[in-house]
Every structure is written in structure tokens, then in C-alpha cells.
Amino acid sequence: MCDTGNGSVALPRIGEKAPAFKAVTTQGEINFPADYSGSWVILFSHPADFTPVCTSEFMTFATMEDKFAQANCKLVGLSVDGLYSHIAWLRTIKEKIEYRGMKNVEVRFPLIEDITMEVARKYGMIQPGESSTKAVRAVFFIDTKGIIRAMIYYPLSLGRNFDELYRIVIALQTADAFGVAL
């Protein structure tokens, strides 16, 4: 990450170290990416708690968490909402929401509180023209050494394809293991 001199921040780039931060999450404090050394990580942002697309995305990620874990990949979510909002939202997901056959879904991966938008700014998740106060749907694929290997940005209005996110993790790992392009 670098300051461009005009008040904006350049996006981190593929091949660079993931910007480091400490944060409070729904699973306690984390020191990122140091706490995840040795594992792949998908760091992803969403615009706001209690919204329909964000809710369906969190339910989908939560139901796929074991599949990602089998690929040595951990999930870490972020929004600029506060911790108490996160806790209430995740409780609502577990107790009250049913979506496409998913219900009683417990989100066990950490959801970062970022009310100061410090982390969102480090990762370029606040996009001019989209919103000055909400993170776009960004996805960062970070390897076992804390290096950004891929990233995808979606506008606030568009949800993600989770099969594709899983495919990217497997493809990156396969490319590393066998020195191939996919």
C-alpha cells in the first residue's frame, strides 16, 4: 500500500506482502497476516451487516468453510460496521434466516470490526464513486507466506460466485505445486 500524495491510497498489488494490521473481530483480536502464517487466507469485505446479499454471502461462505479448510484456506471477513452489529447479525443468521436450503448457519470465521475504515483503506476497499463509507466486495487471496496472490473487486450491487473463489485457491495451489498454468 502506498499514499499517492493526493490523499488517496494505491491498492496493494499481486506479489506484495499483505498489509499488516491488528483488529478486533467476532472471534477475538487478530494480528493479520501473522496469525495465519502457514495457511492460505481469503480476506473479503462486504458493504453492510443485515443486508440481503451480504447475508446470503456469509451463509454461503460459512457452509463452505470446511471445504476451504480442507484446502488449508481460512476465511476472514470485514465490514465497516461495529462489533455489536456483527454479533447481532451473525446471531440473526443462525437463529432466523433460511436461504436456499441453508438454515441454522453458524458463522465461525472472524468478522473484523473496521468502523474507522483503517483496514478497508489499507486494502483499497473504499472505492471512489461507489461509496465513501462502505467497503466494496473485495476478495484477497493470500498465500502461506502472507503474499497477495490474487484479488477481485465487485461493486456494492453485485454478489460473488463462491465456486469460483474456491477454484482460485485450488488453482493457485496447483500452479505452485506443479509449476503449471491453469
C-alpha atoms as a PDB file:
ATOM      1  CA  MET A   1       0.000   0.000   0.000  1.00  0.00           C
ATOM      2  CA  CYS A   2       1.267   3.467  -0.733  1.00  0.00           C
ATOM      3  CA  ASP A   3      -0.021   7.001  -0.393  1.00  0.00           C
ATOM      4  CA  THR A   4      -0.238   8.547  -3.825  1.00  0.00           C
ATOM      5  CA  GLY A   5       0.291  12.042  -2.404  1.00  0.00           C
ATOM      6  CA  ASN A   6      -3.185  13.299  -3.269  1.00  0.00           C
ATOM      7  CA  GLY A   7      -4.947  11.746  -0.275  1.00  0.00           C
ATOM      8  CA  SER A   8      -5.838   8.505  -1.999  1.00  0.00           C
ATOM      9  CA  VAL A   9      -4.198   5.183  -1.327  1.00  0.00           C
ATOM     10  CA  ALA A  10      -2.957   2.835  -4.026  1.00  0.00           C
ATOM     11  CA  LEU A  11      -4.292  -0.714  -3.993  1.00  0.00           C
ATOM     12  CA  PRO A  12      -1.993  -3.455  -2.762  1.00  0.00           C
ATOM     13  CA  ARG A  13      -0.685  -5.493  -5.694  1.00  0.00           C
ATOM     14  CA  ILE A  14      -0.352  -9.137  -6.565  1.00  0.00           C
ATOM     15  CA  GLY A  15       3.045 -10.363  -5.369  1.00  0.00           C
ATOM     16  CA  GLU A  16       3.282  -7.884  -2.495  1.00  0.00           C
ATOM     17  CA  LYS A  17       3.107  -8.627   1.219  1.00  0.00           C
ATOM     18  CA  ALA A  18      -0.426  -8.310   2.514  1.00  0.00           C
ATOM     19  CA  PRO A  19      -0.723  -5.071   4.511  1.00  0.00           C
ATOM     20  CA  ALA A  20      -0.452  -5.872   8.217  1.00  0.00           C
ATOM     21  CA  PHE A  21      -2.975  -4.815  10.852  1.00  0.00           C
ATOM     22  CA  LYS A  22      -4.347  -5.719  14.279  1.00  0.00           C
ATOM     23  CA  ALA A  23      -8.108  -5.794  14.651  1.00  0.00           C
ATOM     24  CA  VAL A  24     -10.978  -6.771  16.902  1.00  0.00           C
ATOM     25  CA  THR A  25     -13.187  -9.491  15.398  1.00  0.00           C
ATOM     26  CA  THR A  26     -16.160 -11.609  16.350  1.00  0.00           C
ATOM     27  CA  GLN A  27     -13.611 -14.316  17.256  1.00  0.00           C
ATOM     28  CA  GLY A  28     -11.287 -12.080  19.302  1.00  0.00           C
ATOM     29  CA  GLU A  29      -8.307  -9.954  18.322  1.00  0.00           C
ATOM     30  CA  ILE A  30      -6.218 -10.899  15.296  1.00  0.00           C
ATOM     31  CA  ASN A  31      -2.788  -9.864  14.074  1.00  0.00           C
ATOM     32  CA  PHE A  32      -3.038 -10.133  10.301  1.00  0.00           C
ATOM     33  CA  PRO A  33      -1.453 -11.781   8.377  1.00  0.00           C
ATOM     34  CA  ALA A  34       0.991 -13.064  11.044  1.00  0.00           C
ATOM     35  CA  ASP A  35      -1.681 -15.148  12.832  1.00  0.00           C
ATOM     36  CA  TYR A  36      -2.330 -17.022   9.577  1.00  0.00           C
ATOM     37  CA  SER A  37       1.252 -17.943   8.664  1.00  0.00           C
ATOM     38  CA  GLY A  38       1.296 -21.390   7.066  1.00  0.00           C
ATOM     39  CA  SER A  39      -2.296 -21.144   5.818  1.00  0.00           C
ATOM     40  CA  TRP A  40      -3.878 -19.633   2.759  1.00  0.00           C
ATOM     41  CA  VAL A  41      -6.384 -16.891   3.588  1.00  0.00           C
ATOM     42  CA  ILE A  42      -9.299 -15.332   1.816  1.00  0.00           C
ATOM     43  CA  LEU A  43      -9.763 -11.832   3.234  1.00  0.00           C
ATOM     44  CA  PHE A  44     -13.050 -10.445   1.972  1.00  0.00           C
ATOM     45  CA  SER A  45     -15.118  -7.356   2.605  1.00  0.00           C
ATOM     46  CA  HIS A  46     -18.805  -6.655   2.424  1.00  0.00           C
ATOM     47  CA  PRO A  47     -20.733  -3.367   2.445  1.00  0.00           C
ATOM     48  CA  ALA A  48     -23.002  -3.725   5.490  1.00  0.00           C
ATOM     49  CA  ASP A  49     -24.438  -6.100   8.065  1.00  0.00           C
ATOM     50  CA  PHE A  50     -28.125  -7.096   7.819  1.00  0.00           C
ATOM     51  CA  THR A  51     -28.351  -6.647   4.042  1.00  0.00           C
ATOM     52  CA  PRO A  52     -29.739  -9.408   1.786  1.00  0.00           C
ATOM     53  CA  VAL A  53     -26.748 -10.063  -0.490  1.00  0.00           C
ATOM     54  CA  CYS A  54     -24.228  -9.837   2.361  1.00  0.00           C
ATOM     55  CA  THR A  55     -26.331 -12.237   4.427  1.00  0.00           C
ATOM     56  CA  SER A  56     -26.566 -14.800   1.628  1.00  0.00           C
ATOM     57  CA  GLU A  57     -22.814 -14.484   1.030  1.00  0.00           C
ATOM     58  CA  PHE A  58     -21.943 -15.044   4.688  1.00  0.00           C
ATOM     59  CA  MET A  59     -24.231 -18.049   4.841  1.00  0.00           C
ATOM     60  CA  THR A  60     -22.599 -19.487   1.725  1.00  0.00           C
ATOM     61  CA  PHE A  61     -19.049 -18.895   2.990  1.00  0.00           C
ATOM     62  CA  ALA A  62     -19.979 -20.400   6.388  1.00  0.00           C
ATOM     63  CA  THR A  63     -21.407 -23.562   4.786  1.00  0.00           C
ATOM     64  CA  MET A  64     -18.262 -23.881   2.623  1.00  0.00           C
ATOM     65  CA  GLU A  65     -15.804 -23.158   5.462  1.00  0.00           C
ATOM     66  CA  ASP A  66     -14.912 -26.833   5.976  1.00  0.00           C
ATOM     67  CA  LYS A  67     -14.255 -27.240   2.236  1.00  0.00           C
ATOM     68  CA  PHE A  68     -11.883 -24.262   2.308  1.00  0.00           C
ATOM     69  CA  ALA A  69     -10.257 -25.614   5.491  1.00  0.00           C
ATOM     70  CA  GLN A  70      -9.521 -28.913   3.710  1.00  0.00           C
ATOM     71  CA  ALA A  71      -7.588 -26.806   1.193  1.00  0.00           C
ATOM     72  CA  ASN A  72      -5.622 -25.180   4.072  1.00  0.00           C
ATOM     73  CA  CYS A  73      -7.514 -21.922   3.499  1.00  0.00           C
ATOM     74  CA  LYS A  74      -9.010 -19.775   6.256  1.00  0.00           C
ATOM     75  CA  LEU A  75     -11.709 -17.155   5.834  1.00  0.00           C
ATOM     76  CA  VAL A  76     -11.647 -13.653   7.319  1.00  0.00           C
ATOM     77  CA  GLY A  77     -14.484 -11.193   6.719  1.00  0.00           C
ATOM     78  CA  LEU A  78     -14.580  -7.423   7.126  1.00  0.00           C
ATOM     79  CA  SER A  79     -17.081  -4.611   7.127  1.00  0.00           C
ATOM     80  CA  VAL A  80     -17.007  -1.099   8.452  1.00  0.00           C
ATOM     81  CA  ASP A  81     -19.826  -1.922  10.872  1.00  0.00           C
ATOM     82  CA  GLY A  82     -19.176  -2.291  14.603  1.00  0.00           C
ATOM     83  CA  LEU A  83     -18.607  -5.437  16.647  1.00  0.00           C
ATOM     84  CA  TYR A  84     -22.033  -5.390  18.327  1.00  0.00           C
ATOM     85  CA  SER A  85     -23.734  -5.077  14.943  1.00  0.00           C
ATOM     86  CA  HIS A  86     -21.655  -8.023  13.683  1.00  0.00           C
ATOM     87  CA  ILE A  87     -22.596 -10.166  16.687  1.00  0.00           C
ATOM     88  CA  ALA A  88     -26.309  -9.356  16.364  1.00  0.00           C
ATOM     89  CA  TRP A  89     -26.226 -10.015  12.602  1.00  0.00           C
ATOM     90  CA  LEU A  90     -24.451 -13.365  12.935  1.00  0.00           C
ATOM     91  CA  ARG A  91     -26.911 -14.396  15.675  1.00  0.00           C
ATOM     92  CA  THR A  92     -29.806 -13.430  13.370  1.00  0.00           C
ATOM     93  CA  ILE A  93     -28.292 -15.523  10.572  1.00  0.00           C
ATOM     94  CA  LYS A  94     -28.071 -18.563  12.858  1.00  0.00           C
ATOM     95  CA  GLU A  95     -31.461 -18.199  14.509  1.00  0.00           C
ATOM     96  CA  LYS A  96     -33.777 -16.672  11.911  1.00  0.00           C
ATOM     97  CA  ILE A  97     -32.545 -16.819   8.321  1.00  0.00           C
ATOM     98  CA  GLU A  98     -33.220 -19.588   5.824  1.00  0.00           C
ATOM     99  CA  TYR A  99     -31.826 -19.264   2.314  1.00  0.00           C
ATOM    100  CA  ARG A 100     -31.661 -21.872  -0.462  1.00  0.00           C
ATOM    101  CA  GLY A 101     -31.956 -24.755   1.960  1.00  0.00           C
ATOM    102  CA  MET A 102     -29.409 -23.290   4.375  1.00  0.00           C
ATOM    103  CA  LYS A 103     -30.629 -22.616   7.895  1.00  0.00           C
ATOM    104  CA  ASN A 104     -29.194 -22.609  11.416  1.00  0.00           C
ATOM    105  CA  VAL A 105     -25.927 -21.493   9.817  1.00  0.00           C
ATOM    106  CA  GLU A 106     -23.232 -20.578  12.301  1.00  0.00           C
ATOM    107  CA  VAL A 107     -20.507 -18.236  11.067  1.00  0.00           C
ATOM    108  CA  ARG A 108     -17.339 -19.375  12.862  1.00  0.00           C
ATOM    109  CA  PHE A 109     -14.713 -17.426  10.939  1.00  0.00           C
ATOM    110  CA  PRO A 110     -13.738 -13.954  12.205  1.00  0.00           C
ATOM    111  CA  LEU A 111     -15.570 -10.855  11.063  1.00  0.00           C
ATOM    112  CA  ILE A 112     -13.418  -7.739  11.517  1.00  0.00           C
ATOM    113  CA  GLU A 113     -14.812  -4.582  13.078  1.00  0.00           C
ATOM    114  CA  ASP A 114     -13.499  -1.686  10.992  1.00  0.00           C
ATOM    115  CA  ILE A 115     -15.539   1.359  11.998  1.00  0.00           C
ATOM    116  CA  THR A 116     -12.503   3.623  11.469  1.00  0.00           C
ATOM    117  CA  MET A 117     -12.108   2.144   7.954  1.00  0.00           C
ATOM    118  CA  GLU A 118      -8.365   1.755   8.616  1.00  0.00           C
ATOM    119  CA  VAL A 119      -8.172  -1.784   7.238  1.00  0.00           C
ATOM    120  CA  ALA A 120     -10.573  -1.045   4.376  1.00  0.00           C
ATOM    121  CA  ARG A 121      -8.366   1.863   3.318  1.00  0.00           C
ATOM    122  CA  LYS A 122      -5.144  -0.212   3.538  1.00  0.00           C
ATOM    123  CA  TYR A 123      -6.675  -2.713   1.136  1.00  0.00           C
ATOM    124  CA  GLY A 124      -8.372  -0.184  -1.166  1.00  0.00           C
ATOM    125  CA  MET A 125     -11.827  -1.449  -0.222  1.00  0.00           C
ATOM    126  CA  ILE A 126     -13.341   2.039  -0.143  1.00  0.00           C
ATOM    127  CA  GLN A 127     -13.788   2.886  -3.804  1.00  0.00           C
ATOM    128  CA  PRO A 128     -14.462   6.424  -5.063  1.00  0.00           C
ATOM    129  CA  GLY A 129     -17.706   6.519  -6.976  1.00  0.00           C
ATOM    130  CA  GLU A 130     -19.140   3.544  -5.072  1.00  0.00           C
ATOM    131  CA  SER A 131     -19.364   4.899  -1.515  1.00  0.00           C
ATOM    132  CA  SER A 132     -17.298   6.940   0.893  1.00  0.00           C
ATOM    133  CA  THR A 133     -18.425   4.887   3.886  1.00  0.00           C
ATOM    134  CA  LYS A 134     -18.972   1.303   2.692  1.00  0.00           C
ATOM    135  CA  ALA A 135     -16.437  -1.276   1.606  1.00  0.00           C
ATOM    136  CA  VAL A 136     -16.926  -2.761  -1.852  1.00  0.00           C
ATOM    137  CA  ARG A 137     -16.947  -6.559  -2.160  1.00  0.00           C
ATOM    138  CA  ALA A 138     -13.213  -7.144  -2.318  1.00  0.00           C
ATOM    139  CA  VAL A 139     -11.576 -10.573  -2.146  1.00  0.00           C
ATOM    140  CA  PHE A 140      -7.862 -11.060  -1.427  1.00  0.00           C
ATOM    141  CA  PHE A 141      -6.210 -14.452  -1.835  1.00  0.00           C
ATOM    142  CA  ILE A 142      -3.163 -14.536   0.444  1.00  0.00           C
ATOM    143  CA  ASP A 143      -0.690 -17.415   0.472  1.00  0.00           C
ATOM    144  CA  THR A 144       1.015 -19.221   3.350  1.00  0.00           C
ATOM    145  CA  LYS A 145       3.802 -16.595   3.424  1.00  0.00           C
ATOM    146  CA  GLY A 146       1.450 -13.603   3.594  1.00  0.00           C
ATOM    147  CA  ILE A 147       1.803 -12.657  -0.088  1.00  0.00           C
ATOM    148  CA  ILE A 148      -1.189 -11.411  -2.087  1.00  0.00           C
ATOM    149  CA  ARG A 149      -1.628 -13.867  -4.946  1.00  0.00           C
ATOM    150  CA  ALA A 150      -4.916 -12.711  -6.476  1.00  0.00           C
ATOM    151  CA  MET A 151      -7.651 -10.190  -5.843  1.00  0.00           C
ATOM    152  CA  ILE A 152     -11.122  -9.486  -7.141  1.00  0.00           C
ATOM    153  CA  TYR A 153     -13.247  -6.363  -6.679  1.00  0.00           C
ATOM    154  CA  TYR A 154     -17.010  -6.264  -7.151  1.00  0.00           C
ATOM    155  CA  PRO A 155     -19.286  -3.205  -6.992  1.00  0.00           C
ATOM    156  CA  LEU A 156     -21.594  -2.862  -3.984  1.00  0.00           C
ATOM    157  CA  SER A 157     -24.546  -4.112  -6.033  1.00  0.00           C
ATOM    158  CA  LEU A 158     -23.024  -7.423  -7.177  1.00  0.00           C
ATOM    159  CA  GLY A 159     -22.667 -10.671  -5.231  1.00  0.00           C
ATOM    160  CA  ARG A 160     -19.825 -13.172  -5.595  1.00  0.00           C
ATOM    161  CA  ASN A 161     -19.522 -16.657  -7.112  1.00  0.00           C
ATOM    162  CA  PHE A 162     -18.207 -18.913  -4.339  1.00  0.00           C
ATOM    163  CA  ASP A 163     -17.361 -21.858  -6.552  1.00  0.00           C
ATOM    164  CA  GLU A 164     -15.045 -19.505  -8.450  1.00  0.00           C
ATOM    165  CA  LEU A 165     -13.415 -18.291  -5.218  1.00  0.00           C
ATOM    166  CA  TYR A 166     -12.722 -21.893  -4.215  1.00  0.00           C
ATOM    167  CA  ARG A 167     -11.432 -22.686  -7.727  1.00  0.00           C
ATOM    168  CA  ILE A 168      -8.942 -19.814  -7.488  1.00  0.00           C
ATOM    169  CA  VAL A 169      -7.475 -21.142  -4.222  1.00  0.00           C
ATOM    170  CA  ILE A 170      -7.096 -24.640  -5.670  1.00  0.00           C
ATOM    171  CA  ALA A 171      -5.690 -23.282  -8.946  1.00  0.00           C
ATOM    172  CA  LEU A 172      -3.078 -21.159  -7.162  1.00  0.00           C
ATOM    173  CA  GLN A 173      -2.036 -24.099  -5.004  1.00  0.00           C
ATOM    174  CA  THR A 174      -1.856 -26.374  -8.061  1.00  0.00           C
ATOM    175  CA  ALA A 175       0.201 -23.842 -10.014  1.00  0.00           C
ATOM    176  CA  ASP A 176       2.638 -23.611  -7.083  1.00  0.00           C
ATOM    177  CA  ALA A 177       2.908 -27.377  -6.618  1.00  0.00           C
ATOM    178  CA  PHE A 178       3.404 -28.296 -10.253  1.00  0.00           C
ATOM    179  CA  GLY A 179       4.705 -25.142 -11.926  1.00  0.00           C
ATOM    180  CA  VAL A 180       1.822 -25.077 -14.390  1.00  0.00           C
ATOM    181  CA  ALA A 181      -0.653 -22.558 -15.745  1.00  0.00           C
ATOM    182  CA  LEU A 182      -4.348 -23.288 -15.448  1.00  0.00           C
END
